[in-house]
Protein backbone atom coordinates (compact mmCIF):
# COMPACT_ATOMS: atom_id res chain seq x y z
CA MET A 1 -43.70 -23.40 11.46
CA ASP A 2 -40.82 -23.41 9.00
CA SER A 3 -41.18 -21.09 6.02
CA ASN A 4 -40.55 -23.97 3.62
CA ILE A 5 -43.59 -25.93 4.85
CA VAL A 6 -47.00 -25.08 3.45
CA LEU A 7 -50.26 -26.53 4.76
CA ILE A 8 -52.94 -26.75 2.08
CA SER A 9 -56.52 -27.08 3.28
CA GLU A 10 -58.41 -26.70 0.02
CA PRO A 11 -58.70 -28.71 -3.20
CA HIS A 12 -55.47 -28.50 -5.20
CA ASP A 13 -53.46 -30.09 -8.01
CA PHE A 14 -51.19 -32.44 -6.07
CA ASN A 15 -49.02 -33.18 -9.10
CA ALA A 16 -48.30 -29.46 -9.53
CA ILE A 17 -47.31 -29.27 -5.85
CA MET A 18 -44.92 -32.21 -6.29
CA GLU A 19 -43.31 -30.53 -9.31
CA LEU A 20 -42.43 -27.55 -7.08
CA SER A 21 -41.21 -29.70 -4.18
CA ASP A 22 -37.68 -30.85 -3.44
CA ALA A 23 -38.89 -34.19 -2.06
CA VAL A 24 -42.07 -36.08 -1.16
CA ILE A 25 -42.77 -37.78 2.16
CA ARG A 26 -45.28 -40.63 2.50
CA PHE A 27 -45.13 -41.29 6.23
CA THR A 28 -47.87 -43.76 7.20
CA ARG A 29 -48.30 -46.71 9.54
CA THR A 30 -50.58 -48.53 7.06
CA ASP A 31 -50.77 -48.03 3.34
CA GLY A 32 -51.79 -49.48 0.03
CA ASP A 33 -50.10 -49.04 -3.34
CA SER A 34 -50.06 -45.28 -3.25
CA ILE A 35 -50.51 -43.39 -6.51
CA SER A 36 -48.60 -40.42 -5.03
CA VAL A 37 -45.49 -42.61 -4.63
CA ARG A 38 -45.52 -43.52 -8.32
CA GLU A 39 -46.31 -39.95 -9.35
CA ALA A 40 -43.33 -38.68 -7.36
CA LEU A 41 -41.09 -41.30 -8.96
CA SER A 42 -42.32 -40.34 -12.42
CA LEU A 43 -41.22 -36.76 -11.65
CA ARG A 44 -37.88 -38.10 -10.37
CA LYS A 45 -38.51 -36.54 -6.97
CA PRO A 46 -36.87 -38.15 -3.97
CA ILE A 47 -39.59 -39.91 -2.02
CA ILE A 48 -39.22 -40.99 1.58
CA ALA A 49 -41.83 -43.58 2.56
CA THR A 50 -42.43 -45.91 5.45
CA ASN A 51 -41.58 -49.56 4.89
CA VAL A 52 -45.04 -50.78 5.95
CA VAL A 53 -45.85 -52.21 2.49
CA SER A 54 -43.91 -53.13 -0.63
CA ARG A 55 -42.68 -49.99 -2.41
CA PRO A 56 -41.42 -49.51 -5.96
CA GLU A 57 -37.70 -49.36 -6.68
CA GLY A 58 -36.26 -45.91 -6.04
CA VAL A 59 -38.19 -45.15 -2.84
CA ILE A 60 -36.15 -44.29 0.25
CA LEU A 61 -37.53 -46.59 2.94
CA ILE A 62 -37.69 -45.75 6.65
CA SER A 63 -39.53 -47.25 9.60
CA PRO A 64 -42.80 -45.64 10.76
CA ASP A 65 -40.98 -44.06 13.70
CA ALA A 66 -40.91 -40.26 13.76
CA LYS A 67 -37.31 -40.37 15.04
CA ASP A 68 -36.21 -42.17 11.87
CA LEU A 69 -37.88 -39.53 9.71
CA GLU A 70 -36.25 -36.75 11.72
CA LYS A 71 -32.82 -38.38 11.36
CA TYR A 72 -33.22 -38.68 7.61
CA LEU A 73 -34.45 -35.12 7.15
CA ASN A 74 -31.49 -33.77 9.13
CA ARG A 75 -29.10 -35.02 6.44
CA ASP A 76 -27.36 -32.38 4.34
CA ASN A 77 -29.02 -33.44 1.10
CA ILE A 78 -31.43 -35.92 -0.43
CA GLU A 79 -30.37 -37.29 -3.78
CA PRO A 80 -32.78 -37.12 -6.74
CA VAL A 81 -34.28 -40.38 -7.93
CA SER A 82 -32.19 -41.88 -10.70
CA ASN A 83 -33.58 -45.40 -10.92
CA GLY A 84 -37.30 -45.00 -10.30
CA VAL A 85 -40.11 -45.09 -12.81
CA LYS A 86 -38.88 -43.60 -16.05
CA ALA A 87 -40.93 -40.59 -17.13
CA GLU A 88 -41.95 -42.17 -20.43
CA ASN A 89 -43.33 -45.21 -18.56
CA ALA A 90 -45.10 -43.35 -15.77
CA PHE A 91 -48.50 -43.41 -17.45
CA ASP A 92 -48.34 -47.18 -17.92
CA GLU A 93 -47.22 -47.68 -14.31
CA LEU A 94 -50.05 -45.53 -12.95
CA GLN A 95 -52.60 -47.17 -15.24
CA ASN A 96 -51.52 -50.60 -13.94
CA VAL A 97 -52.11 -49.44 -10.36
CA TYR A 98 -55.63 -48.26 -11.24
CA ARG A 99 -56.40 -51.48 -13.12
CA SER A 100 -55.29 -53.59 -10.17
CA MET A 101 -57.90 -51.84 -8.01
CA LEU A 102 -60.80 -52.67 -10.31
């Protein structure tokens, strides 16, 4: 396994992990409105997610095919998010997601 990949098998603060990460990957075949996607955007982290559901502006969309993910990750760089959820609005965005589930 690559030295820059860490598997975590115990309870942890996911937001703290995202703050230390260069990018976030949400690679799923089915999904809902993921809180982790909005949290990553609020931290201005590049987020690569499958295009299986509607995603917020700023998400890098790929198909749920492992080859597409591999192609994207083999690029020289991944640009930081510049037009995602603004940090000052992140709380409101996340709160709206929670409210929509109630």
